[in-house]
Amino acid sequence: MGSEMCIRDSDTTLLIAAGAVSNAVMRIPAMILFGSGALKGKIHLEDEVTWGLSAVENLDLPILYDNFKNLAELDSKMILSEPRLYFWPVVSFIISLICFIFAYKKFYTIFKPNMNSKLSKWVCGFMPVIVTPFMFMLCSLLDNYIRINW
C-alpha cells in the first residue's frame, strides 16, 4: 500500500491497529452463539459459560466433558434455567463491545488524516474485518499452546 492509502507510519501500524480492533470483538460471536443456542434450548460451551456453570445446582462440578455433554443433551432446561449462568457471558459481551467501540474510534482517529479517497476509506474501514480470520487463527494457536501446553 502506498501513502495514498490509510497508512500513517507504515503498513505494520495499520495491521497492528486493525488487529487490536479485531481482537476487541472476538468474544462477541462466541457470546452470540451461546445466546442464540440458549434461546433454542441448547448449550454452546465457551469459557464464560463454564464460569457460570458453577452457579447451577445439582451439577456437581468438576465434571468430565463427555458426562456434561450427555447431561446437557438430556436436561439442558435445568442448566439454562439458572439466571446466574448468563452473568459472565453478558459481562464478556459488554466488555468486548466497549473495547471494540474505543479501539475502532482510536483506529479511525489515527488513520483519518490519510483517508483521502474512497478506496482508502474502504480499506481502512474493512481492515479489521480483513484481519479477523488471521486473529482468530493466531489467538486459537496461542490459546492452545499457552493454555494447554504450559
N, C-alpha and C. Protein backbone atom coordinates (compact mmCIF):
# COMPACT_ATOMS: atom_id res chain seq x y z
N MET A 1 0.84 -1.17 0.00
CA MET A 1 0.00 0.00 0.00
C MET A 1 0.89 1.24 0.00
N GLY A 2 0.48 2.22 -0.72
CA GLY A 2 1.26 3.45 -0.80
C GLY A 2 0.77 4.48 0.19
N SER A 3 1.33 5.67 0.10
CA SER A 3 0.98 6.72 1.04
C SER A 3 -0.44 7.23 0.81
N GLU A 4 -1.03 6.98 -0.38
CA GLU A 4 -2.40 7.42 -0.62
C GLU A 4 -3.39 6.62 0.22
N MET A 5 -3.03 5.40 0.55
CA MET A 5 -3.92 4.59 1.37
C MET A 5 -3.89 5.14 2.80
N CYS A 6 -4.51 4.44 3.71
CA CYS A 6 -4.66 4.96 5.06
C CYS A 6 -3.46 4.63 5.95
N ILE A 7 -2.29 4.67 5.41
CA ILE A 7 -1.10 4.32 6.16
C ILE A 7 -0.48 5.59 6.74
N ARG A 8 -0.37 5.65 8.05
CA ARG A 8 0.23 6.83 8.67
C ARG A 8 1.74 6.63 8.78
N ASP A 9 2.15 5.63 9.51
CA ASP A 9 3.56 5.37 9.69
C ASP A 9 4.04 4.21 8.82
N SER A 10 3.23 3.18 8.76
CA SER A 10 3.65 2.01 7.99
C SER A 10 2.49 1.03 7.85
N ASP A 11 2.68 0.07 6.99
CA ASP A 11 1.69 -0.99 6.84
C ASP A 11 1.55 -1.78 8.14
N THR A 12 2.66 -1.92 8.84
CA THR A 12 2.65 -2.66 10.11
C THR A 12 1.75 -1.97 11.12
N THR A 13 1.81 -0.67 11.19
CA THR A 13 0.95 0.08 12.12
C THR A 13 -0.51 -0.18 11.81
N LEU A 14 -0.85 -0.17 10.55
CA LEU A 14 -2.24 -0.43 10.15
C LEU A 14 -2.67 -1.83 10.57
N LEU A 15 -1.82 -2.80 10.32
CA LEU A 15 -2.17 -4.18 10.67
C LEU A 15 -2.30 -4.37 12.18
N ILE A 16 -1.41 -3.75 12.94
CA ILE A 16 -1.49 -3.86 14.40
C ILE A 16 -2.75 -3.18 14.91
N ALA A 17 -3.04 -2.01 14.40
CA ALA A 17 -4.26 -1.30 14.81
C ALA A 17 -5.51 -2.09 14.43
N ALA A 18 -5.52 -2.63 13.21
CA ALA A 18 -6.67 -3.45 12.77
C ALA A 18 -6.78 -4.70 13.63
N GLY A 19 -5.66 -5.28 13.99
CA GLY A 19 -5.66 -6.45 14.87
C GLY A 19 -6.22 -6.13 16.24
N ALA A 20 -5.91 -4.94 16.76
CA ALA A 20 -6.45 -4.52 18.05
C ALA A 20 -7.97 -4.39 18.00
N VAL A 21 -8.46 -3.80 16.92
CA VAL A 21 -9.91 -3.67 16.75
C VAL A 21 -10.55 -5.05 16.62
N SER A 22 -9.94 -5.90 15.82
CA SER A 22 -10.45 -7.25 15.61
C SER A 22 -10.45 -8.04 16.92
N ASN A 23 -9.39 -7.92 17.68
CA ASN A 23 -9.28 -8.65 18.94
C ASN A 23 -10.35 -8.19 19.94
N ALA A 24 -10.69 -6.92 19.89
CA ALA A 24 -11.70 -6.39 20.81
C ALA A 24 -13.06 -7.02 20.57
N VAL A 25 -13.30 -7.48 19.37
CA VAL A 25 -14.63 -8.00 19.03
C VAL A 25 -14.68 -9.54 19.02
N MET A 26 -13.58 -10.20 19.31
CA MET A 26 -13.52 -11.65 19.13
C MET A 26 -14.46 -12.46 20.02
N ARG A 27 -14.80 -11.99 21.19
CA ARG A 27 -15.69 -12.74 22.08
C ARG A 27 -17.16 -12.56 21.71
N ILE A 28 -17.47 -11.51 20.95
CA ILE A 28 -18.87 -11.23 20.63
C ILE A 28 -19.53 -12.37 19.84
N PRO A 29 -18.92 -12.90 18.76
CA PRO A 29 -19.57 -14.02 18.06
C PRO A 29 -19.79 -15.24 18.96
N ALA A 30 -18.84 -15.52 19.84
CA ALA A 30 -18.99 -16.66 20.75
C ALA A 30 -20.17 -16.45 21.69
N MET A 31 -20.33 -15.24 22.19
CA MET A 31 -21.43 -14.96 23.10
C MET A 31 -22.78 -14.95 22.36
N ILE A 32 -22.76 -14.53 21.10
CA ILE A 32 -23.98 -14.59 20.29
C ILE A 32 -24.36 -16.05 20.03
N LEU A 33 -23.36 -16.90 19.76
CA LEU A 33 -23.63 -18.34 19.59
C LEU A 33 -24.24 -18.93 20.86
N PHE A 34 -23.68 -18.58 22.00
CA PHE A 34 -24.22 -19.08 23.26
C PHE A 34 -25.65 -18.59 23.45
N GLY A 35 -25.88 -17.30 23.27
CA GLY A 35 -27.21 -16.73 23.48
C GLY A 35 -28.25 -17.30 22.54
N SER A 36 -27.90 -17.42 21.26
CA SER A 36 -28.86 -17.96 20.29
C SER A 36 -29.11 -19.45 20.56
N GLY A 37 -28.08 -20.17 20.98
CA GLY A 37 -28.26 -21.57 21.34
C GLY A 37 -29.16 -21.71 22.57
N ALA A 38 -28.95 -20.84 23.55
CA ALA A 38 -29.77 -20.89 24.77
C ALA A 38 -31.24 -20.63 24.45
N LEU A 39 -31.49 -19.73 23.52
CA LEU A 39 -32.87 -19.46 23.11
C LEU A 39 -33.52 -20.70 22.49
N LYS A 40 -32.70 -21.55 21.89
CA LYS A 40 -33.20 -22.79 21.27
C LYS A 40 -33.14 -23.98 22.23
N GLY A 41 -32.68 -23.73 23.46
CA GLY A 41 -32.59 -24.80 24.43
C GLY A 41 -31.33 -25.63 24.33
N LYS A 42 -30.32 -25.12 23.66
CA LYS A 42 -29.04 -25.84 23.50
C LYS A 42 -27.92 -25.06 24.18
N ILE A 43 -26.94 -25.78 24.67
CA ILE A 43 -25.81 -25.15 25.36
C ILE A 43 -24.60 -25.14 24.45
N HIS A 44 -24.08 -23.96 24.22
CA HIS A 44 -22.84 -23.78 23.46
C HIS A 44 -21.78 -23.38 24.47
N LEU A 45 -20.84 -24.29 24.75
CA LEU A 45 -19.85 -24.03 25.79
C LEU A 45 -18.76 -23.07 25.33
N GLU A 46 -18.54 -22.08 26.12
CA GLU A 46 -17.44 -21.13 25.99
C GLU A 46 -16.86 -20.94 27.38
N ASP A 47 -15.69 -20.33 27.47
CA ASP A 47 -15.07 -20.12 28.79
C ASP A 47 -16.02 -19.42 29.75
N GLU A 48 -16.66 -18.35 29.28
CA GLU A 48 -17.54 -17.58 30.15
C GLU A 48 -18.73 -18.41 30.62
N VAL A 49 -19.19 -19.32 29.78
CA VAL A 49 -20.32 -20.17 30.14
C VAL A 49 -19.89 -21.16 31.21
N THR A 50 -18.69 -21.71 31.08
CA THR A 50 -18.23 -22.67 32.08
C THR A 50 -18.06 -21.99 33.44
N TRP A 51 -17.70 -20.71 33.46
CA TRP A 51 -17.63 -19.98 34.73
C TRP A 51 -19.01 -19.90 35.36
N GLY A 52 -20.02 -19.68 34.54
CA GLY A 52 -21.39 -19.59 35.05
C GLY A 52 -21.96 -20.92 35.47
N LEU A 53 -21.41 -22.01 34.97
CA LEU A 53 -21.93 -23.34 35.33
C LEU A 53 -21.78 -23.63 36.82
N SER A 54 -20.83 -22.98 37.47
CA SER A 54 -20.65 -23.22 38.91
C SER A 54 -21.88 -22.79 39.70
N ALA A 55 -22.73 -21.95 39.13
CA ALA A 55 -23.94 -21.49 39.81
C ALA A 55 -25.09 -22.47 39.66
N VAL A 56 -24.95 -23.44 38.77
CA VAL A 56 -26.05 -24.39 38.52
C VAL A 56 -26.02 -25.48 39.59
N GLU A 57 -27.13 -25.57 40.34
CA GLU A 57 -27.21 -26.60 41.38
C GLU A 57 -27.40 -27.97 40.73
N ASN A 58 -27.05 -29.00 41.46
CA ASN A 58 -27.18 -30.39 41.00
C ASN A 58 -26.25 -30.72 39.84
N LEU A 59 -25.23 -29.92 39.62
CA LEU A 59 -24.31 -30.21 38.52
C LEU A 59 -23.06 -30.94 38.99
N ASP A 60 -22.71 -30.80 40.25
CA ASP A 60 -21.57 -31.49 40.84
C ASP A 60 -20.29 -31.30 40.05
N LEU A 61 -19.86 -30.05 39.94
CA LEU A 61 -18.61 -29.75 39.26
C LEU A 61 -17.43 -30.11 40.15
N PRO A 62 -16.28 -30.45 39.66
CA PRO A 62 -15.95 -30.60 38.25
C PRO A 62 -16.56 -31.88 37.67
N ILE A 63 -16.79 -31.83 36.38
CA ILE A 63 -17.43 -32.94 35.68
C ILE A 63 -16.69 -33.15 34.36
N LEU A 64 -16.56 -34.39 33.94
CA LEU A 64 -15.91 -34.68 32.66
C LEU A 64 -16.75 -34.11 31.53
N TYR A 65 -16.09 -33.65 30.48
CA TYR A 65 -16.79 -33.02 29.36
C TYR A 65 -17.83 -33.95 28.75
N ASP A 66 -17.48 -35.21 28.54
CA ASP A 66 -18.43 -36.16 27.94
C ASP A 66 -19.66 -36.33 28.82
N ASN A 67 -19.45 -36.39 30.14
CA ASN A 67 -20.58 -36.51 31.06
C ASN A 67 -21.44 -35.25 31.01
N PHE A 68 -20.80 -34.10 30.95
CA PHE A 68 -21.55 -32.85 30.87
C PHE A 68 -22.34 -32.78 29.57
N LYS A 69 -21.69 -33.19 28.49
CA LYS A 69 -22.36 -33.16 27.18
C LYS A 69 -23.62 -34.03 27.20
N ASN A 70 -23.51 -35.22 27.79
CA ASN A 70 -24.68 -36.10 27.91
C ASN A 70 -25.76 -35.46 28.77
N LEU A 71 -25.36 -34.87 29.90
CA LEU A 71 -26.32 -34.21 30.79
C LEU A 71 -26.98 -33.03 30.09
N ALA A 72 -26.19 -32.26 29.35
CA ALA A 72 -26.72 -31.10 28.64
C ALA A 72 -27.74 -31.50 27.58
N GLU A 73 -27.52 -32.63 26.94
CA GLU A 73 -28.48 -33.11 25.95
C GLU A 73 -29.76 -33.62 26.61
N LEU A 74 -29.61 -34.23 27.78
CA LEU A 74 -30.78 -34.79 28.46
C LEU A 74 -31.57 -33.73 29.23
N ASP A 75 -30.88 -32.79 29.85
CA ASP A 75 -31.55 -31.84 30.74
C ASP A 75 -31.01 -30.43 30.57
N SER A 76 -31.02 -29.91 29.36
CA SER A 76 -30.50 -28.57 29.12
C SER A 76 -31.36 -27.50 29.79
N LYS A 77 -32.65 -27.76 29.96
CA LYS A 77 -33.53 -26.77 30.60
C LYS A 77 -33.10 -26.51 32.04
N MET A 78 -32.69 -27.55 32.76
CA MET A 78 -32.24 -27.40 34.14
C MET A 78 -31.03 -26.47 34.18
N ILE A 79 -30.13 -26.67 33.25
CA ILE A 79 -28.90 -25.86 33.23
C ILE A 79 -29.21 -24.44 32.76
N LEU A 80 -29.97 -24.31 31.70
CA LEU A 80 -30.24 -22.99 31.12
C LEU A 80 -31.22 -22.17 31.94
N SER A 81 -31.92 -22.78 32.87
CA SER A 81 -32.88 -22.03 33.68
C SER A 81 -32.21 -21.28 34.83
N GLU A 82 -30.94 -21.50 35.06
CA GLU A 82 -30.22 -20.80 36.12
C GLU A 82 -29.79 -19.42 35.62
N PRO A 83 -30.37 -18.34 36.16
CA PRO A 83 -30.05 -16.99 35.68
C PRO A 83 -28.57 -16.62 35.84
N ARG A 84 -27.93 -17.14 36.89
CA ARG A 84 -26.52 -16.80 37.12
C ARG A 84 -25.59 -17.37 36.05
N LEU A 85 -26.08 -18.34 35.29
CA LEU A 85 -25.30 -18.90 34.18
C LEU A 85 -24.96 -17.82 33.15
N TYR A 86 -25.84 -16.84 33.01
CA TYR A 86 -25.71 -15.81 31.97
C TYR A 86 -24.86 -14.62 32.39
N PHE A 87 -24.48 -14.53 33.66
CA PHE A 87 -23.75 -13.36 34.14
C PHE A 87 -22.44 -13.15 33.38
N TRP A 88 -21.57 -14.15 33.36
CA TRP A 88 -20.26 -13.97 32.73
C TRP A 88 -20.34 -13.79 31.22
N PRO A 89 -21.21 -14.50 30.51
CA PRO A 89 -21.35 -14.22 29.09
C PRO A 89 -21.80 -12.77 28.81
N VAL A 90 -22.72 -12.26 29.63
CA VAL A 90 -23.17 -10.87 29.44
C VAL A 90 -22.04 -9.90 29.74
N VAL A 91 -21.30 -10.15 30.82
CA VAL A 91 -20.15 -9.29 31.15
C VAL A 91 -19.13 -9.31 30.01
N SER A 92 -18.83 -10.48 29.50
CA SER A 92 -17.88 -10.61 28.39
C SER A 92 -18.35 -9.85 27.16
N PHE A 93 -19.63 -9.98 26.85
CA PHE A 93 -20.20 -9.29 25.69
C PHE A 93 -20.07 -7.78 25.85
N ILE A 94 -20.42 -7.27 27.03
CA ILE A 94 -20.37 -5.82 27.28
C ILE A 94 -18.93 -5.31 27.21
N ILE A 95 -18.01 -6.01 27.85
CA ILE A 95 -16.60 -5.59 27.82
C ILE A 95 -16.07 -5.59 26.39
N SER A 96 -16.37 -6.65 25.65
CA SER A 96 -15.91 -6.73 24.26
C SER A 96 -16.48 -5.59 23.42
N LEU A 97 -17.75 -5.30 23.62
CA LEU A 97 -18.39 -4.22 22.86
C LEU A 97 -17.78 -2.86 23.20
N ILE A 98 -17.53 -2.61 24.47
CA ILE A 98 -16.90 -1.35 24.88
C ILE A 98 -15.49 -1.24 24.30
N CYS A 99 -14.71 -2.32 24.41
CA CYS A 99 -13.35 -2.31 23.85
C CYS A 99 -13.38 -2.09 22.34
N PHE A 100 -14.33 -2.74 21.66
CA PHE A 100 -14.45 -2.56 20.22
C PHE A 100 -14.73 -1.11 19.87
N ILE A 101 -15.65 -0.48 20.57
CA ILE A 101 -16.01 0.91 20.28
C ILE A 101 -14.80 1.82 20.49
N PHE A 102 -14.11 1.67 21.62
CA PHE A 102 -12.94 2.51 21.88
C PHE A 102 -11.81 2.24 20.89
N ALA A 103 -11.56 0.97 20.59
CA ALA A 103 -10.47 0.63 19.67
C ALA A 103 -10.78 1.13 18.26
N TYR A 104 -12.02 0.99 17.83
CA TYR A 104 -12.37 1.44 16.48
C TYR A 104 -12.31 2.95 16.37
N LYS A 105 -12.76 3.66 17.41
CA LYS A 105 -12.67 5.12 17.41
C LYS A 105 -11.21 5.57 17.33
N LYS A 106 -10.34 4.92 18.09
CA LYS A 106 -8.91 5.27 18.07
C LYS A 106 -8.31 4.93 16.71
N PHE A 107 -8.67 3.79 16.17
CA PHE A 107 -8.21 3.37 14.84
C PHE A 107 -8.59 4.43 13.81
N TYR A 108 -9.84 4.86 13.86
CA TYR A 108 -10.33 5.86 12.91
C TYR A 108 -9.61 7.20 13.11
N THR A 109 -9.38 7.59 14.35
CA THR A 109 -8.69 8.85 14.64
C THR A 109 -7.26 8.84 14.09
N ILE A 110 -6.58 7.71 14.27
CA ILE A 110 -5.19 7.61 13.81
C ILE A 110 -5.10 7.69 12.29
N PHE A 111 -5.98 7.01 11.59
CA PHE A 111 -5.85 6.90 10.14
C PHE A 111 -6.72 7.87 9.35
N LYS A 112 -7.58 8.62 10.01
CA LYS A 112 -8.46 9.56 9.32
C LYS A 112 -7.70 10.59 8.47
N PRO A 113 -6.58 11.17 8.96
CA PRO A 113 -5.87 12.16 8.14
C PRO A 113 -5.39 11.65 6.79
N ASN A 114 -5.23 10.34 6.67
CA ASN A 114 -4.73 9.76 5.43
C ASN A 114 -5.83 9.17 4.55
N MET A 115 -7.06 9.36 4.93
CA MET A 115 -8.17 8.82 4.15
C MET A 115 -8.62 9.86 3.12
N ASN A 116 -7.88 9.91 2.02
CA ASN A 116 -8.13 10.93 1.00
C ASN A 116 -9.06 10.48 -0.11
N SER A 117 -9.19 9.19 -0.29
CA SER A 117 -10.02 8.69 -1.38
C SER A 117 -11.02 7.69 -0.85
N LYS A 118 -12.01 7.35 -1.68
CA LYS A 118 -12.99 6.35 -1.28
C LYS A 118 -12.31 5.00 -1.04
N LEU A 119 -11.34 4.68 -1.87
CA LEU A 119 -10.64 3.42 -1.72
C LEU A 119 -9.94 3.35 -0.36
N SER A 120 -9.25 4.41 0.02
CA SER A 120 -8.55 4.40 1.30
C SER A 120 -9.54 4.31 2.46
N LYS A 121 -10.71 4.94 2.34
CA LYS A 121 -11.73 4.84 3.39
C LYS A 121 -12.25 3.41 3.50
N TRP A 122 -12.46 2.76 2.36
CA TRP A 122 -12.92 1.37 2.38
C TRP A 122 -11.87 0.44 2.96
N VAL A 123 -10.62 0.65 2.56
CA VAL A 123 -9.54 -0.21 3.07
C VAL A 123 -9.43 -0.04 4.58
N CYS A 124 -9.44 1.20 5.05
CA CYS A 124 -9.35 1.44 6.50
C CYS A 124 -10.56 0.87 7.23
N GLY A 125 -11.72 1.10 6.69
CA GLY A 125 -12.94 0.65 7.35
C GLY A 125 -13.04 -0.86 7.46
N PHE A 126 -12.55 -1.56 6.45
CA PHE A 126 -12.69 -3.02 6.44
C PHE A 126 -11.42 -3.77 6.85
N MET A 127 -10.34 -3.05 7.12
CA MET A 127 -9.11 -3.73 7.52
C MET A 127 -9.31 -4.59 8.77
N PRO A 128 -10.02 -4.12 9.81
CA PRO A 128 -10.25 -5.01 10.96
C PRO A 128 -11.02 -6.27 10.58
N VAL A 129 -11.95 -6.16 9.66
CA VAL A 129 -12.71 -7.33 9.21
C VAL A 129 -11.79 -8.28 8.44
N ILE A 130 -10.92 -7.70 7.63
CA ILE A 130 -10.00 -8.50 6.81
C ILE A 130 -9.03 -9.29 7.69
N VAL A 131 -8.54 -8.69 8.77
CA VAL A 131 -7.56 -9.37 9.61
C VAL A 131 -8.19 -10.29 10.65
N THR A 132 -9.51 -10.23 10.82
CA THR A 132 -10.16 -11.04 11.85
C THR A 132 -9.91 -12.54 11.71
N PRO A 133 -10.02 -13.14 10.50
CA PRO A 133 -9.72 -14.58 10.42
C PRO A 133 -8.29 -14.91 10.88
N PHE A 134 -7.34 -14.05 10.56
CA PHE A 134 -5.96 -14.28 10.98
C PHE A 134 -5.83 -14.14 12.50
N MET A 135 -6.57 -13.19 13.08
CA MET A 135 -6.55 -13.01 14.52
C MET A 135 -7.15 -14.24 15.22
N PHE A 136 -8.24 -14.78 14.67
CA PHE A 136 -8.83 -15.99 15.25
C PHE A 136 -7.83 -17.14 15.21
N MET A 137 -7.12 -17.30 14.09
CA MET A 137 -6.12 -18.38 13.99
C MET A 137 -4.99 -18.16 14.98
N LEU A 138 -4.50 -16.92 15.07
CA LEU A 138 -3.41 -16.61 15.99
C LEU A 138 -3.84 -16.84 17.44
N CYS A 139 -5.00 -16.33 17.80
CA CYS A 139 -5.48 -16.49 19.17
C CYS A 139 -5.75 -17.95 19.51
N SER A 140 -6.27 -18.71 18.56
CA SER A 140 -6.51 -20.12 18.78
C SER A 140 -5.18 -20.86 19.00
N LEU A 141 -4.21 -20.54 18.18
CA LEU A 141 -2.89 -21.16 18.32
C LEU A 141 -2.29 -20.83 19.69
N LEU A 142 -2.33 -19.55 20.05
CA LEU A 142 -1.78 -19.14 21.35
C LEU A 142 -2.57 -19.74 22.50
N ASP A 143 -3.90 -19.79 22.36
CA ASP A 143 -4.74 -20.36 23.40
C ASP A 143 -4.41 -21.82 23.61
N ASN A 144 -4.28 -22.57 22.53
CA ASN A 144 -3.95 -24.00 22.64
C ASN A 144 -2.55 -24.22 23.15
N TYR A 145 -1.60 -23.43 22.69
CA TYR A 145 -0.21 -23.64 23.13
C TYR A 145 0.02 -23.18 24.55
N ILE A 146 -0.45 -21.99 24.87
CA ILE A 146 -0.18 -21.44 26.20
C ILE A 146 -1.05 -22.10 27.25
N ARG A 147 -2.34 -22.28 26.96
CA ARG A 147 -3.23 -22.80 27.99
C ARG A 147 -3.12 -24.30 28.15
N ILE A 148 -2.86 -25.01 27.08
CA ILE A 148 -2.82 -26.47 27.17
C ILE A 148 -1.40 -26.99 27.44
N ASN A 149 -0.40 -26.35 26.86
CA ASN A 149 0.96 -26.88 26.96
C ASN A 149 1.84 -26.17 28.00
N TRP A 150 1.25 -25.47 28.90
CA TRP A 150 2.08 -24.80 29.89
C TRP A 150 2.29 -25.72 31.05
